[in-house]
N, C-alpha and C. Protein backbone atom coordinates (compact mmCIF):
# COMPACT_ATOMS: atom_id res chain seq x y z
N UNK A 1 0.82 -1.19 0.00
CA UNK A 1 0.00 0.00 0.00
C UNK A 1 0.87 1.27 0.00
N UNK A 2 1.95 1.24 0.77
CA UNK A 2 2.84 2.40 0.84
C UNK A 2 3.51 2.64 -0.51
N UNK A 3 3.89 1.54 -1.18
CA UNK A 3 4.52 1.67 -2.49
C UNK A 3 3.53 2.26 -3.49
N UNK A 4 2.28 1.83 -3.42
CA UNK A 4 1.24 2.36 -4.31
C UNK A 4 1.00 3.85 -4.07
N UNK A 5 0.95 4.24 -2.80
CA UNK A 5 0.78 5.66 -2.47
C UNK A 5 1.97 6.46 -2.98
N UNK A 6 3.18 5.93 -2.81
CA UNK A 6 4.38 6.64 -3.28
C UNK A 6 4.37 6.80 -4.80
N UNK A 7 3.90 5.78 -5.51
CA UNK A 7 3.81 5.88 -6.97
C UNK A 7 2.83 6.97 -7.37
N UNK A 8 1.66 6.99 -6.73
CA UNK A 8 0.67 8.02 -7.04
C UNK A 8 1.17 9.42 -6.69
N UNK A 9 1.87 9.55 -5.57
CA UNK A 9 2.42 10.86 -5.20
C UNK A 9 3.45 11.30 -6.23
N UNK A 10 4.29 10.39 -6.69
CA UNK A 10 5.28 10.72 -7.72
C UNK A 10 4.62 11.17 -9.01
N UNK A 11 3.56 10.47 -9.41
CA UNK A 11 2.83 10.86 -10.62
C UNK A 11 2.20 12.23 -10.45
N UNK A 12 1.58 12.47 -9.30
CA UNK A 12 0.94 13.77 -9.05
C UNK A 12 1.97 14.90 -9.00
N UNK A 13 3.13 14.64 -8.40
CA UNK A 13 4.18 15.66 -8.38
C UNK A 13 4.68 15.96 -9.79
N UNK A 14 4.79 14.92 -10.61
CA UNK A 14 5.18 15.13 -12.01
C UNK A 14 4.17 15.97 -12.76
N UNK A 15 2.89 15.67 -12.56
CA UNK A 15 1.83 16.46 -13.19
C UNK A 15 1.89 17.90 -12.72
N UNK A 16 2.14 18.08 -11.44
CA UNK A 16 2.21 19.43 -10.88
C UNK A 16 3.39 20.23 -11.46
N UNK A 17 4.53 19.59 -11.63
CA UNK A 17 5.69 20.26 -12.23
C UNK A 17 5.38 20.65 -13.67
N UNK A 18 4.74 19.74 -14.42
CA UNK A 18 4.38 20.04 -15.81
C UNK A 18 3.40 21.20 -15.86
N UNK A 19 2.41 21.21 -14.97
CA UNK A 19 1.44 22.31 -14.96
C UNK A 19 2.09 23.63 -14.57
N UNK A 20 2.98 23.61 -13.59
CA UNK A 20 3.66 24.84 -13.19
C UNK A 20 4.54 25.37 -14.32
N UNK A 21 5.22 24.47 -15.02
CA UNK A 21 6.03 24.88 -16.17
C UNK A 21 5.14 25.44 -17.27
N UNK A 22 4.00 24.79 -17.51
CA UNK A 22 3.06 25.29 -18.50
C UNK A 22 2.50 26.65 -18.13
N UNK A 23 2.24 26.86 -16.84
CA UNK A 23 1.75 28.16 -16.38
C UNK A 23 2.80 29.24 -16.60
N UNK A 24 4.04 28.93 -16.30
CA UNK A 24 5.11 29.91 -16.49
C UNK A 24 5.28 30.23 -17.97
N UNK A 25 5.25 29.20 -18.82
CA UNK A 25 5.44 29.42 -20.25
C UNK A 25 4.28 30.18 -20.90
N UNK A 26 3.06 29.95 -20.42
CA UNK A 26 1.91 30.61 -21.05
C UNK A 26 1.63 32.00 -20.49
N UNK A 27 2.01 32.27 -19.26
CA UNK A 27 1.66 33.57 -18.70
C UNK A 27 2.82 34.57 -18.71
N UNK A 28 3.98 34.19 -19.16
CA UNK A 28 5.11 35.11 -19.25
C UNK A 28 5.12 35.82 -20.60
N UNK A 29 4.12 36.63 -20.84
CA UNK A 29 4.03 37.39 -22.08
C UNK A 29 3.75 38.85 -21.75
N UNK A 30 3.98 39.71 -22.71
CA UNK A 30 3.67 41.12 -22.51
C UNK A 30 2.19 41.40 -22.75
N UNK A 31 1.56 40.54 -23.52
CA UNK A 31 0.13 40.70 -23.77
C UNK A 31 -0.68 39.99 -22.70
N UNK A 32 -1.99 40.02 -22.90
CA UNK A 32 -2.88 39.32 -21.98
C UNK A 32 -2.64 37.81 -22.12
N UNK A 33 -2.51 37.07 -21.00
CA UNK A 33 -2.26 35.63 -21.10
C UNK A 33 -3.43 34.91 -21.76
N UNK A 34 -3.16 33.82 -22.47
CA UNK A 34 -4.24 33.08 -23.10
C UNK A 34 -5.13 32.40 -22.07
N UNK A 35 -6.28 31.92 -22.52
CA UNK A 35 -7.24 31.30 -21.60
C UNK A 35 -6.69 30.04 -20.95
N UNK A 36 -5.82 29.34 -21.65
CA UNK A 36 -5.25 28.11 -21.09
C UNK A 36 -4.45 28.40 -19.82
N UNK A 37 -3.84 29.58 -19.74
CA UNK A 37 -3.10 29.95 -18.53
C UNK A 37 -4.05 30.09 -17.35
N UNK A 38 -5.25 30.60 -17.58
CA UNK A 38 -6.24 30.69 -16.52
C UNK A 38 -6.69 29.33 -16.03
N UNK A 39 -6.86 28.40 -16.97
CA UNK A 39 -7.27 27.04 -16.59
C UNK A 39 -6.16 26.32 -15.82
N UNK A 40 -4.94 26.48 -16.28
CA UNK A 40 -3.81 25.86 -15.58
C UNK A 40 -3.67 26.47 -14.18
N UNK A 41 -3.82 27.78 -14.08
CA UNK A 41 -3.75 28.43 -12.77
C UNK A 41 -4.83 27.95 -11.83
N UNK A 42 -6.05 27.75 -12.36
CA UNK A 42 -7.15 27.25 -11.52
C UNK A 42 -6.85 25.85 -11.02
N UNK A 43 -6.35 24.98 -11.91
CA UNK A 43 -6.03 23.60 -11.51
C UNK A 43 -4.92 23.59 -10.47
N UNK A 44 -3.91 24.44 -10.65
CA UNK A 44 -2.83 24.50 -9.66
C UNK A 44 -3.31 25.09 -8.34
N UNK A 45 -4.21 26.03 -8.41
CA UNK A 45 -4.66 26.70 -7.19
C UNK A 45 -5.58 25.83 -6.36
N UNK A 46 -6.56 25.20 -6.97
CA UNK A 46 -7.57 24.50 -6.18
C UNK A 46 -7.34 23.00 -6.02
N UNK A 47 -7.33 22.17 -7.07
CA UNK A 47 -7.09 20.74 -6.81
C UNK A 47 -5.68 20.44 -6.31
N UNK A 48 -4.66 21.11 -6.84
CA UNK A 48 -3.28 20.80 -6.45
C UNK A 48 -2.75 21.68 -5.33
N UNK A 49 -3.46 22.69 -4.92
CA UNK A 49 -2.92 23.59 -3.90
C UNK A 49 -3.84 23.84 -2.74
N UNK A 50 -4.65 22.84 -2.37
CA UNK A 50 -5.67 23.07 -1.34
C UNK A 50 -5.14 23.64 -0.03
N UNK A 51 -4.20 23.01 0.68
CA UNK A 51 -3.82 23.62 1.95
C UNK A 51 -3.13 24.96 1.79
N UNK A 52 -2.42 25.15 0.68
CA UNK A 52 -1.70 26.41 0.49
C UNK A 52 -2.64 27.57 0.19
N UNK A 53 -3.79 27.29 -0.40
CA UNK A 53 -4.76 28.36 -0.67
C UNK A 53 -5.27 28.93 0.65
N UNK A 54 -5.37 28.10 1.68
CA UNK A 54 -5.82 28.60 2.98
C UNK A 54 -4.78 29.52 3.61
N UNK A 55 -3.49 29.25 3.36
CA UNK A 55 -2.42 30.04 3.96
C UNK A 55 -2.08 31.26 3.10
N UNK A 56 -2.03 31.06 1.78
CA UNK A 56 -1.59 32.12 0.87
C UNK A 56 -2.53 32.14 -0.33
N UNK A 57 -3.28 33.21 -0.49
CA UNK A 57 -4.31 33.29 -1.53
C UNK A 57 -3.75 33.27 -2.94
N UNK A 58 -2.53 33.70 -3.14
CA UNK A 58 -1.95 33.72 -4.49
C UNK A 58 -0.97 32.57 -4.64
N UNK A 59 -1.41 31.33 -4.39
CA UNK A 59 -0.51 30.18 -4.31
C UNK A 59 0.38 29.96 -5.52
N UNK A 60 -0.15 29.86 -6.74
CA UNK A 60 0.81 29.57 -7.81
C UNK A 60 1.85 30.67 -7.99
N UNK A 61 1.56 31.86 -7.50
CA UNK A 61 2.47 32.99 -7.66
C UNK A 61 3.14 33.34 -6.34
N UNK A 62 3.36 32.34 -5.49
CA UNK A 62 3.92 32.61 -4.16
C UNK A 62 5.34 33.13 -4.22
N UNK A 63 6.03 32.95 -5.33
CA UNK A 63 7.40 33.44 -5.42
C UNK A 63 7.46 34.95 -5.57
N UNK A 64 6.36 35.58 -5.99
CA UNK A 64 6.35 37.03 -6.19
C UNK A 64 6.51 37.78 -4.88
N UNK A 65 5.62 37.52 -3.93
CA UNK A 65 5.60 38.31 -2.72
C UNK A 65 6.57 37.84 -1.67
N UNK A 66 6.87 36.56 -1.67
CA UNK A 66 7.75 36.03 -0.65
C UNK A 66 7.10 35.96 0.71
N UNK A 67 5.75 36.05 0.77
CA UNK A 67 5.05 36.01 2.05
C UNK A 67 5.11 34.62 2.66
N UNK A 68 5.14 33.60 1.85
CA UNK A 68 5.20 32.23 2.33
C UNK A 68 6.57 31.66 2.02
N UNK A 69 7.34 31.29 3.04
CA UNK A 69 8.68 30.75 2.78
C UNK A 69 8.61 29.39 2.08
N UNK A 70 9.63 29.06 1.33
CA UNK A 70 9.65 27.83 0.53
C UNK A 70 9.66 26.59 1.42
N UNK A 71 10.27 26.67 2.61
CA UNK A 71 10.28 25.52 3.50
C UNK A 71 8.90 25.22 4.03
N UNK A 72 7.99 26.17 3.92
CA UNK A 72 6.61 26.00 4.35
C UNK A 72 5.76 25.45 3.22
N UNK A 73 6.12 25.73 1.98
CA UNK A 73 5.33 25.35 0.82
C UNK A 73 5.51 23.88 0.47
N UNK A 74 6.73 23.39 0.48
CA UNK A 74 7.01 22.02 0.02
C UNK A 74 6.29 20.96 0.84
N UNK A 75 6.26 21.02 2.18
CA UNK A 75 5.49 20.01 2.92
C UNK A 75 3.99 20.06 2.60
N UNK A 76 3.45 21.25 2.37
CA UNK A 76 2.03 21.33 2.02
C UNK A 76 1.75 20.72 0.65
N UNK A 77 2.65 20.90 -0.29
CA UNK A 77 2.47 20.30 -1.62
C UNK A 77 2.49 18.78 -1.50
N UNK A 78 3.43 18.24 -0.74
CA UNK A 78 3.50 16.79 -0.56
C UNK A 78 2.29 16.28 0.21
N UNK A 79 1.85 17.02 1.22
CA UNK A 79 0.65 16.63 1.98
C UNK A 79 -0.58 16.63 1.08
N UNK A 80 -0.71 17.63 0.22
CA UNK A 80 -1.85 17.67 -0.69
C UNK A 80 -1.79 16.52 -1.68
N UNK A 81 -0.61 16.20 -2.20
CA UNK A 81 -0.50 15.07 -3.11
C UNK A 81 -0.79 13.75 -2.39
N UNK A 82 -0.44 13.66 -1.12
CA UNK A 82 -0.78 12.48 -0.32
C UNK A 82 -2.29 12.35 -0.20
N UNK A 83 -2.98 13.46 0.10
CA UNK A 83 -4.44 13.42 0.19
C UNK A 83 -5.08 13.07 -1.15
N UNK A 84 -4.55 13.63 -2.24
CA UNK A 84 -5.07 13.30 -3.56
C UNK A 84 -4.82 11.83 -3.90
N UNK A 85 -3.66 11.30 -3.53
CA UNK A 85 -3.36 9.88 -3.79
C UNK A 85 -4.32 8.98 -3.02
N UNK A 86 -4.58 9.32 -1.76
CA UNK A 86 -5.54 8.52 -0.99
C UNK A 86 -6.93 8.60 -1.59
N UNK A 87 -7.32 9.78 -2.06
CA UNK A 87 -8.62 9.92 -2.71
C UNK A 87 -8.72 9.12 -3.99
N UNK A 88 -7.67 9.13 -4.79
CA UNK A 88 -7.66 8.37 -6.04
C UNK A 88 -7.72 6.87 -5.76
N UNK A 89 -6.92 6.41 -4.80
CA UNK A 89 -6.93 4.99 -4.44
C UNK A 89 -8.29 4.58 -3.90
N UNK A 90 -8.88 5.42 -3.06
CA UNK A 90 -10.22 5.13 -2.54
C UNK A 90 -11.27 5.09 -3.63
N UNK A 91 -11.19 6.03 -4.56
CA UNK A 91 -12.15 6.06 -5.67
C UNK A 91 -12.01 4.83 -6.55
N UNK A 92 -10.78 4.43 -6.85
CA UNK A 92 -10.55 3.25 -7.69
C UNK A 92 -11.05 1.99 -7.00
N UNK A 93 -10.76 1.84 -5.71
CA UNK A 93 -11.21 0.64 -5.00
C UNK A 93 -12.73 0.61 -4.88
N UNK A 94 -13.35 1.77 -4.66
CA UNK A 94 -14.81 1.83 -4.61
C UNK A 94 -15.41 1.49 -5.96
N UNK A 95 -14.82 1.99 -7.03
CA UNK A 95 -15.30 1.70 -8.38
C UNK A 95 -15.17 0.22 -8.69
N UNK A 96 -14.06 -0.40 -8.27
CA UNK A 96 -13.87 -1.84 -8.50
C UNK A 96 -14.90 -2.66 -7.72
N UNK A 97 -15.21 -2.24 -6.49
CA UNK A 97 -16.21 -2.96 -5.70
C UNK A 97 -17.59 -2.85 -6.33
N UNK A 98 -17.91 -1.69 -6.84
CA UNK A 98 -19.21 -1.50 -7.49
C UNK A 98 -19.29 -2.36 -8.75
N UNK A 99 -18.21 -2.38 -9.54
CA UNK A 99 -18.20 -3.22 -10.75
C UNK A 99 -18.28 -4.70 -10.41
N UNK A 100 -17.61 -5.14 -9.35
CA UNK A 100 -17.65 -6.54 -8.95
C UNK A 100 -19.05 -6.92 -8.46
N UNK A 101 -19.73 -6.01 -7.81
CA UNK A 101 -21.08 -6.27 -7.31
C UNK A 101 -22.08 -6.34 -8.46
N UNK A 102 -21.85 -5.57 -9.51
CA UNK A 102 -22.76 -5.57 -10.67
C UNK A 102 -22.70 -6.88 -11.43
N UNK A 103 -21.56 -7.53 -11.45
CA UNK A 103 -21.41 -8.76 -12.24
C UNK A 103 -21.81 -9.94 -11.48
């Protein structure tokens, strides 16, 4: 179970790095950012940044103000990915039980 949780956390951290890179690449323009940057920012802020949104309202842009130190951000990111991994594992096991009951 611990190995499965670690795999899911690694996958979620990889997705988060890709999204953060995509946010940086799409919103670093002189013009108005495209709509995809808004969607990526929303995904980073709410599903991937739940505990940090409670502490710092501008979570994906926390490097701007420096209000939240980096040593405070990293444990919350890992904690959020842990919660997401548990939710995904619970959803998959519940879905498998429902499918097994149907057959």
